[in-house]
Structure formats: structure tokens, C-alpha cells
Amino acid sequence: MSTMQRALLIRAYGGADAAEVANVSMPEAAQGEVLVRVRAAGVNGLDWKVREGYVRDAFPLQLPAVLGIELAGVVEAVGSNTSRFRVGDRVMGPLGGLGAYAECVAVAEANLARTPDSLDDVQAAALPVATVAAWQSLHHAGPVRQGQRILIHGAAGGVGGFAVQFAKRLGAEVFATTASAHLDYVRGLGADHVIDYQRQRFEDIAWGIDLVLDYVGGDVLDRSWQVLTAAGAIVGTTSPDILARTPAGRRGLWFMNTPDAALLETLASEVASGALQSHISEVVNVADLPLAIERNRTASRFGKVVADFSR
């Protein structure tokens, strides 16, 4: 095996040109880890936030750093004190950190789930972060009750799309914001009230909201307090400063995804069976990853973007 490999890394925080494909050392599987040959990796909003240093306080890095937080591939080698996987097994999962945009990645065995046979690697790479983050953030403020009114910002995105499906399944009344082009897609996920944020103000439509899931951030967070009930809560995934921006007497919670291999395996099986919808909007090769990450920052899209490492 070669001692070097391709990876997408940043040497300093910056814009689109800060991410570059370069050669880095090939890792080895340490105790409790497996070495995964990456076949595909999901693109996430966190990529550009890390690249620009926007979340450097929440995610401090030692630069240079390889980007990417989720992958699907094949077990290449196993470290000591591992027992769940063998060489050749197809696996998927979040890293619980950075480094997925590389040809081979050493991953904690506990973070990985088996890839369902009926999903290819590109389909699988779209799932580890989006499915689990949607489920966990939906429950982060407490149990979801039948009839609860939930507002989901960024409902057409990877996480938001699953959150809509989960909330509806649990009996909530779902309000969802999205761009004009994605209204039908979000309706198809089961949202009761789909709000075109390009033409409508959600504050004029959503009221008496028990829970806001904010997958957008910015002024959307600040405008959302007024639609809450007195006991309502906002769970934010894109605003590390949400606690400082929470008005007195209100409840704002910062959410960070926690790997859960058992939950991932269950949700991936539901995607494989068709019980959950998963949409991939674009598949790119490794050389195009820097631009794909930038488009994730600047363009409204639905579903997930995935990098195919076999290209």
C-alpha cells in the first residue's frame, strides 16, 4: 500500500480557494479503529463553516486539516480491540470529527454501521450525518408530542428533509420553510404548511410554535423567537452563539451531532426499504469538491451533495 494518498485539506481559514486537493500520509488503524477505503463522502454545511473559521471556537483545529465528516466505503484493515467488522465489509458512518475527504480514513469502529446491501456507496454516504442529526435534534429539547407544532427552517436540506419526515411520523403539525423551487419536494416529505421564504415571511404564517428546528441560522434565528409559545424552544445547529442570542425567559439550545451507529443502521435500513425518502441533488468527483462546498454555501438546493471517490 502506498504511504501517501489524495485528500481535501485547508492550510489556513478562508474562502473557496482555501480548500485544496493535496497528498497526505496514509493513516493506520489504531486500537478500536478500522481503516476504511472511502468510496463516497457526503458534503455538509459544516464544511464551509469549518473552512472559513466560522465555528473555530466549537471545532478548534490543528492546521493543516482534512475536511469532511461522513463517509461510506470498504474496510481495508482493522486495528486491535475491534470485533464488529472484517476486511471487505461495506460500512458507513460519521467520523465524529474531520477527515472524511481522503482515500483512506481511520475511523472509530463504534461510529460505523453496515451499509445495507440495496444501497450503493453514494446513496449510503448521504445518510450518516443527515439522518442521525435530524432525529437527535428533533428530540434535543424533549419528547415530541402528538399535535405539537414544529417549525423547520431549511426543510429541503439533507438534515431538514429527514426532520420533516420524522416530525410528521410522530404526529406533529409541521411548518417548513424552503425556497420557491423546492416547495413541492417539501410537501412530498409530508409538511403540513410549506412556507416560501423568498416570497413569504414565516412570522406571518407560523404561530403558536412549540419547537423550532433552525438549520439555517443568521437572522432566521433572531426572527424565530416571536413565533414560539411561552414554553417553546429553538434548537440551533448552525449558530454556535445561540445561547448568547437567546432572549431572557426563552429557551435556546445548541445542538451538535453525536455518532450513534445503531440508530444509523436502523434509519439506513428504512431508506433502503423506501420507508424514508433520501434525495441526492448532485454527485461530484474529488477535484470538484472545493467548488461543491462553496455552492453549498451560496446556492439553495435540496437533498445532499455527495463526492464519489471512485471517479
Protein backbone atom coordinates (compact mmCIF):
# COMPACT_ATOMS: atom_id res chain seq x y z
CA MET A 1 0.00 0.00 0.00
CA SER A 2 1.21 3.49 -0.84
CA THR A 3 2.29 5.68 2.06
CA MET A 4 0.59 8.75 0.52
CA GLN A 5 -2.96 9.50 -0.56
CA ARG A 6 -5.17 12.26 -2.00
CA ALA A 7 -7.16 14.38 0.42
CA LEU A 8 -9.00 17.69 0.51
CA LEU A 9 -7.49 19.95 3.14
CA ILE A 10 -7.15 23.52 4.32
CA ARG A 11 -3.85 25.04 5.42
CA ALA A 12 -5.49 28.26 6.66
CA TYR A 13 -9.03 29.52 7.11
CA GLY A 14 -10.51 31.26 4.09
CA GLY A 15 -12.88 31.24 1.14
CA ALA A 16 -13.41 28.79 -1.71
CA ASP A 17 -9.72 28.75 -2.67
CA ALA A 18 -8.65 27.75 0.86
CA ALA A 19 -9.57 24.11 0.19
CA GLU A 20 -7.14 22.16 -1.98
CA VAL A 21 -6.55 18.59 -3.06
CA ALA A 22 -3.11 17.53 -1.83
CA ASN A 23 -1.12 14.47 -0.84
CA VAL A 24 -1.12 13.46 2.82
CA SER A 25 0.19 10.47 4.73
CA MET A 26 -1.81 7.26 4.68
CA PRO A 27 -3.20 6.54 8.18
CA GLU A 28 -3.14 3.28 10.10
CA ALA A 29 -5.93 1.79 12.17
CA ALA A 30 -5.15 2.30 15.85
CA GLN A 31 -6.73 0.46 18.77
CA GLY A 32 -10.51 0.46 18.40
CA GLU A 33 -10.34 1.75 14.81
CA VAL A 34 -10.83 0.35 11.34
CA LEU A 35 -9.21 1.69 8.19
CA VAL A 36 -11.89 2.49 5.60
CA ARG A 37 -11.17 2.94 1.91
CA VAL A 38 -13.52 5.78 1.07
CA ARG A 39 -15.79 5.26 -1.91
CA ALA A 40 -18.03 8.26 -1.28
CA ALA A 41 -18.34 11.12 1.20
CA GLY A 42 -21.22 13.46 1.96
CA VAL A 43 -20.90 17.24 1.57
CA ASN A 44 -22.27 19.23 4.51
CA GLY A 45 -22.81 22.85 5.50
CA LEU A 46 -20.27 22.35 8.25
CA ASP A 47 -17.56 22.01 5.58
CA TRP A 48 -17.61 25.68 4.55
CA LYS A 49 -18.17 26.85 8.12
CA VAL A 50 -15.02 24.99 9.19
CA ARG A 51 -13.15 26.22 6.10
CA GLU A 52 -13.92 29.86 6.89
CA GLY A 53 -13.24 29.53 10.62
CA TYR A 54 -16.86 30.36 11.38
CA VAL A 55 -17.07 27.60 14.00
CA ARG A 56 -13.43 27.60 15.14
CA ASP A 57 -14.45 28.02 18.79
CA ALA A 58 -16.76 24.99 18.68
CA PHE A 59 -14.43 22.99 16.41
CA PRO A 60 -10.82 24.04 17.11
CA LEU A 61 -8.42 22.65 14.52
CA GLN A 62 -4.76 21.99 14.18
CA LEU A 63 -3.96 23.15 10.63
CA PRO A 64 -3.48 21.83 8.04
CA ALA A 65 -6.67 19.77 8.43
CA VAL A 66 -8.52 17.41 6.10
CA LEU A 67 -12.19 18.32 5.68
CA GLY A 68 -15.23 16.02 5.54
CA ILE A 69 -17.32 14.48 8.30
CA GLU A 70 -19.07 11.40 6.86
CA LEU A 71 -18.24 8.56 4.51
CA ALA A 72 -19.14 5.22 3.01
CA GLY A 73 -16.64 2.64 1.87
CA VAL A 74 -14.97 -0.70 2.48
CA VAL A 75 -12.95 -1.89 5.45
CA GLU A 76 -9.30 -2.05 4.37
CA ALA A 77 -7.75 -3.07 7.70
CA VAL A 78 -8.74 -3.44 11.34
CA GLY A 79 -6.91 -2.31 14.47
CA SER A 80 -6.64 -4.12 17.78
CA ASN A 81 -9.68 -4.46 20.04
CA THR A 82 -12.11 -4.43 17.13
CA SER A 83 -14.68 -7.14 16.56
CA ARG A 84 -17.66 -5.90 14.56
CA PHE A 85 -16.12 -5.67 11.09
CA ARG A 86 -13.78 -7.61 8.86
CA VAL A 87 -11.71 -6.61 5.86
CA GLY A 88 -14.03 -6.25 2.88
CA ASP A 89 -17.15 -5.24 4.83
CA ARG A 90 -19.09 -2.29 3.43
CA VAL A 91 -19.56 0.38 6.09
CA MET A 92 -20.89 3.90 6.50
CA GLY A 93 -20.72 6.45 9.26
CA PRO A 94 -19.76 9.85 10.65
CA LEU A 95 -16.22 10.42 11.83
CA GLY A 96 -17.20 12.29 14.97
CA GLY A 97 -14.66 14.84 13.72
CA LEU A 98 -12.98 15.80 10.45
CA GLY A 99 -11.06 13.91 7.79
CA ALA A 100 -13.53 12.07 5.55
CA TYR A 101 -12.30 13.66 2.29
CA ALA A 102 -9.40 11.27 1.83
CA GLU A 103 -8.83 7.98 0.06
CA CYS A 104 -8.43 6.09 3.33
CA VAL A 105 -9.58 7.13 6.79
CA ALA A 106 -9.07 5.55 10.22
CA VAL A 107 -12.46 5.59 11.94
CA ALA A 108 -13.56 4.54 15.42
CA GLU A 109 -15.29 1.20 14.92
CA ALA A 110 -18.07 2.30 17.27
CA ASN A 111 -19.09 5.07 14.83
CA LEU A 112 -19.68 2.77 11.87
CA ALA A 113 -22.76 0.91 10.66
CA ARG A 114 -23.07 -1.73 7.99
CA THR A 115 -24.20 -0.42 4.63
CA PRO A 116 -27.48 -2.05 3.51
CA ASP A 117 -26.93 -4.31 0.51
CA SER A 118 -29.50 -2.45 -1.57
CA LEU A 119 -27.76 0.94 -1.17
CA ASP A 120 -24.72 1.85 -3.24
CA ASP A 121 -21.90 3.81 -1.64
CA VAL A 122 -23.02 7.19 -2.97
CA GLN A 123 -26.50 6.65 -1.54
CA ALA A 124 -25.02 5.49 1.76
CA ALA A 125 -22.65 8.45 2.10
CA ALA A 126 -25.63 10.83 2.11
CA LEU A 127 -27.08 9.31 5.29
CA PRO A 128 -24.76 9.22 8.36
CA VAL A 129 -24.97 12.87 9.38
CA ALA A 130 -28.36 13.87 7.97
CA THR A 131 -30.44 11.02 9.35
CA VAL A 132 -28.98 10.91 12.86
CA ALA A 133 -28.71 14.69 13.24
CA ALA A 134 -32.34 15.10 12.19
CA TRP A 135 -33.53 12.52 14.70
CA GLN A 136 -31.37 13.75 17.56
CA SER A 137 -32.06 17.46 17.02
CA LEU A 138 -35.80 16.78 16.82
CA HIS A 139 -35.66 15.21 20.30
CA HIS A 140 -32.98 17.50 21.75
CA ALA A 141 -35.44 19.79 23.56
CA GLY A 142 -37.55 16.89 24.86
CA PRO A 143 -40.01 14.26 23.61
CA VAL A 144 -42.13 15.15 20.59
CA ARG A 145 -45.83 15.10 21.44
CA GLN A 146 -48.80 14.29 19.22
CA GLY A 147 -50.16 17.54 17.80
CA GLN A 148 -47.07 19.57 18.67
CA ARG A 149 -46.47 22.46 16.28
CA ILE A 150 -42.95 22.32 14.86
CA LEU A 151 -41.29 24.84 12.53
CA ILE A 152 -38.36 23.53 10.49
CA HIS A 153 -36.06 26.03 8.78
CA GLY A 154 -34.05 24.64 5.87
CA ALA A 155 -36.58 21.87 5.31
CA ALA A 156 -35.30 20.91 1.86
CA GLY A 157 -31.74 20.31 3.03
CA GLY A 158 -30.24 16.98 3.96
CA VAL A 159 -31.00 17.25 7.68
CA GLY A 160 -34.20 19.23 7.25
CA GLY A 161 -35.72 16.74 4.84
CA PHE A 162 -35.38 13.91 7.32
CA ALA A 163 -36.57 16.11 10.20
CA VAL A 164 -39.81 16.83 8.32
CA GLN A 165 -40.40 13.11 7.82
CA PHE A 166 -39.61 12.22 11.44
CA ALA A 167 -41.74 15.02 12.91
CA LYS A 168 -44.72 14.10 10.75
CA ARG A 169 -44.34 10.43 11.62
CA LEU A 170 -44.53 11.33 15.32
CA GLY A 171 -47.80 13.19 14.84
CA ALA A 172 -46.58 16.79 14.85
CA GLU A 173 -48.11 19.59 12.80
CA VAL A 174 -45.18 20.57 10.62
CA PHE A 175 -44.42 24.07 9.32
CA ALA A 176 -41.47 24.14 6.93
CA THR A 177 -39.53 26.93 5.21
CA THR A 178 -37.82 26.42 1.87
CA ALA A 179 -37.00 28.15 -1.41
CA SER A 180 -39.60 28.58 -4.17
CA ALA A 181 -38.07 25.84 -6.29
CA HIS A 182 -38.39 23.23 -3.56
CA LEU A 183 -41.96 23.71 -2.35
CA ASP A 184 -43.32 20.55 -3.96
CA TYR A 185 -40.39 18.49 -2.70
CA VAL A 186 -41.01 19.55 0.91
CA ARG A 187 -44.76 18.95 0.56
CA GLY A 188 -43.92 15.47 -0.68
CA LEU A 189 -41.97 14.84 2.52
CA GLY A 190 -45.18 15.41 4.49
CA ALA A 191 -45.02 19.01 5.72
CA ASP A 192 -48.46 20.44 6.57
CA HIS A 193 -47.57 24.07 5.87
CA VAL A 194 -44.81 24.87 3.38
CA ILE A 195 -43.56 28.46 3.50
CA ASP A 196 -41.70 30.02 0.57
CA TYR A 197 -39.09 32.13 2.37
CA GLN A 198 -38.30 34.00 -0.84
CA ARG A 199 -41.85 35.36 -1.07
CA GLN A 200 -43.32 34.98 2.40
CA ARG A 201 -42.34 35.86 5.94
CA PHE A 202 -42.66 32.83 8.14
CA GLU A 203 -43.62 35.09 11.06
CA ASP A 204 -46.86 35.92 9.20
CA ILE A 205 -47.84 32.26 8.83
CA ALA A 206 -46.36 30.24 11.70
CA TRP A 207 -47.63 30.95 15.22
CA GLY A 208 -48.01 29.07 18.49
CA ILE A 209 -44.90 27.05 17.65
CA ASP A 210 -43.70 24.60 20.30
CA LEU A 211 -40.36 23.80 18.69
CA VAL A 212 -38.22 25.47 16.04
CA LEU A 213 -35.50 23.43 14.37
CA ASP A 214 -33.14 26.00 12.88
CA TYR A 215 -30.90 24.50 10.23
CA VAL A 216 -30.28 27.91 8.60
CA GLY A 217 -29.06 30.42 11.22
CA GLY A 218 -28.39 34.11 10.67
CA ASP A 219 -31.34 36.44 11.12
CA VAL A 220 -33.71 33.47 10.77
CA LEU A 221 -32.80 32.54 14.33
CA ASP A 222 -33.42 36.04 15.65
CA ARG A 223 -36.78 36.29 13.89
CA SER A 224 -37.95 32.92 15.20
CA TRP A 225 -38.37 33.81 18.88
CA GLN A 226 -41.60 35.69 18.16
CA VAL A 227 -43.42 32.63 16.77
CA LEU A 228 -42.79 30.47 19.86
CA THR A 229 -45.21 29.69 22.63
CA ALA A 230 -44.10 30.80 26.09
CA ALA A 231 -42.73 27.33 26.78
CA GLY A 232 -41.37 26.79 23.27
CA ALA A 233 -37.75 26.12 22.35
CA ILE A 234 -35.39 26.69 19.45
CA VAL A 235 -32.78 24.06 18.66
CA GLY A 236 -30.00 25.52 16.50
CA THR A 237 -27.41 23.56 14.53
CA THR A 238 -25.74 26.42 12.65
CA SER A 239 -25.40 29.14 15.32
CA PRO A 240 -22.78 28.29 17.96
CA ASP A 241 -23.66 31.57 19.68
CA ILE A 242 -27.34 30.68 20.11
CA LEU A 243 -27.13 30.84 23.91
CA ALA A 244 -25.87 34.43 23.77
CA ARG A 245 -28.64 35.28 21.30
CA THR A 246 -31.43 33.73 23.37
CA PRO A 247 -33.69 36.44 24.91
CA ALA A 248 -34.34 36.40 28.64
CA GLY A 249 -37.05 33.95 29.54
CA ARG A 250 -36.64 32.00 26.30
CA ARG A 251 -35.13 28.57 25.68
CA GLY A 252 -32.45 28.20 23.03
CA LEU A 253 -30.35 25.05 22.66
CA TRP A 254 -27.15 24.46 20.67
CA PHE A 255 -27.07 21.03 19.05
CA MET A 256 -24.07 19.01 17.89
CA ASN A 257 -24.49 15.62 16.28
CA THR A 258 -23.33 12.56 18.27
CA PRO A 259 -22.45 9.35 16.39
CA ASP A 260 -24.97 6.57 17.00
CA ALA A 261 -24.21 3.50 14.88
CA ALA A 262 -27.29 1.56 15.98
CA LEU A 263 -29.62 4.43 15.13
CA LEU A 264 -27.85 4.97 11.80
CA GLU A 265 -28.22 1.31 10.90
CA THR A 266 -31.95 1.44 11.66
CA LEU A 267 -32.55 4.63 9.68
CA ALA A 268 -30.41 3.48 6.74
CA SER A 269 -32.48 0.30 6.55
CA GLU A 270 -35.61 2.46 6.34
CA VAL A 271 -34.11 4.40 3.44
CA ALA A 272 -33.18 1.12 1.77
CA SER A 273 -36.74 -0.18 2.14
CA GLY A 274 -38.31 3.05 0.89
CA ALA A 275 -39.90 3.93 4.24
CA LEU A 276 -37.79 7.13 4.32
CA GLN A 277 -37.07 9.39 1.37
CA SER A 278 -33.47 10.39 0.64
CA HIS A 279 -32.55 12.68 -2.23
CA ILE A 280 -29.11 13.30 -3.74
CA SER A 281 -29.07 16.52 -5.73
CA GLU A 282 -25.53 16.29 -7.12
CA VAL A 283 -22.61 13.86 -7.32
CA VAL A 284 -19.15 15.34 -7.79
CA ASN A 285 -15.61 14.00 -8.09
CA VAL A 286 -12.81 14.79 -5.68
CA ALA A 287 -11.32 17.56 -7.83
CA ASP A 288 -14.66 19.37 -7.83
CA LEU A 289 -15.12 19.20 -4.05
CA PRO A 290 -13.87 22.76 -3.32
CA LEU A 291 -16.47 24.24 -5.67
CA ALA A 292 -19.18 21.89 -4.39
CA ILE A 293 -18.53 23.07 -0.84
CA GLU A 294 -18.76 26.69 -1.98
CA ARG A 295 -22.05 26.03 -3.83
CA ASN A 296 -23.38 24.52 -0.61
CA ARG A 297 -22.71 27.91 1.00
CA THR A 298 -24.12 30.14 -1.74
CA ALA A 299 -26.88 28.22 -3.55
CA SER A 300 -30.27 27.00 -2.42
CA ARG A 301 -30.50 23.27 -3.04
CA PHE A 302 -32.40 20.29 -1.78
CA GLY A 303 -31.19 16.94 -0.57
CA LYS A 304 -27.50 16.12 -0.37
CA VAL A 305 -24.36 16.55 -2.43
CA VAL A 306 -22.02 13.56 -2.42
CA ALA A 307 -18.42 13.19 -3.57
CA ASP A 308 -17.77 9.95 -5.47
CA PHE A 309 -14.19 8.87 -4.81
CA SER A 310 -14.35 6.19 -7.50
CA ARG A 311 -14.46 8.86 -10.23
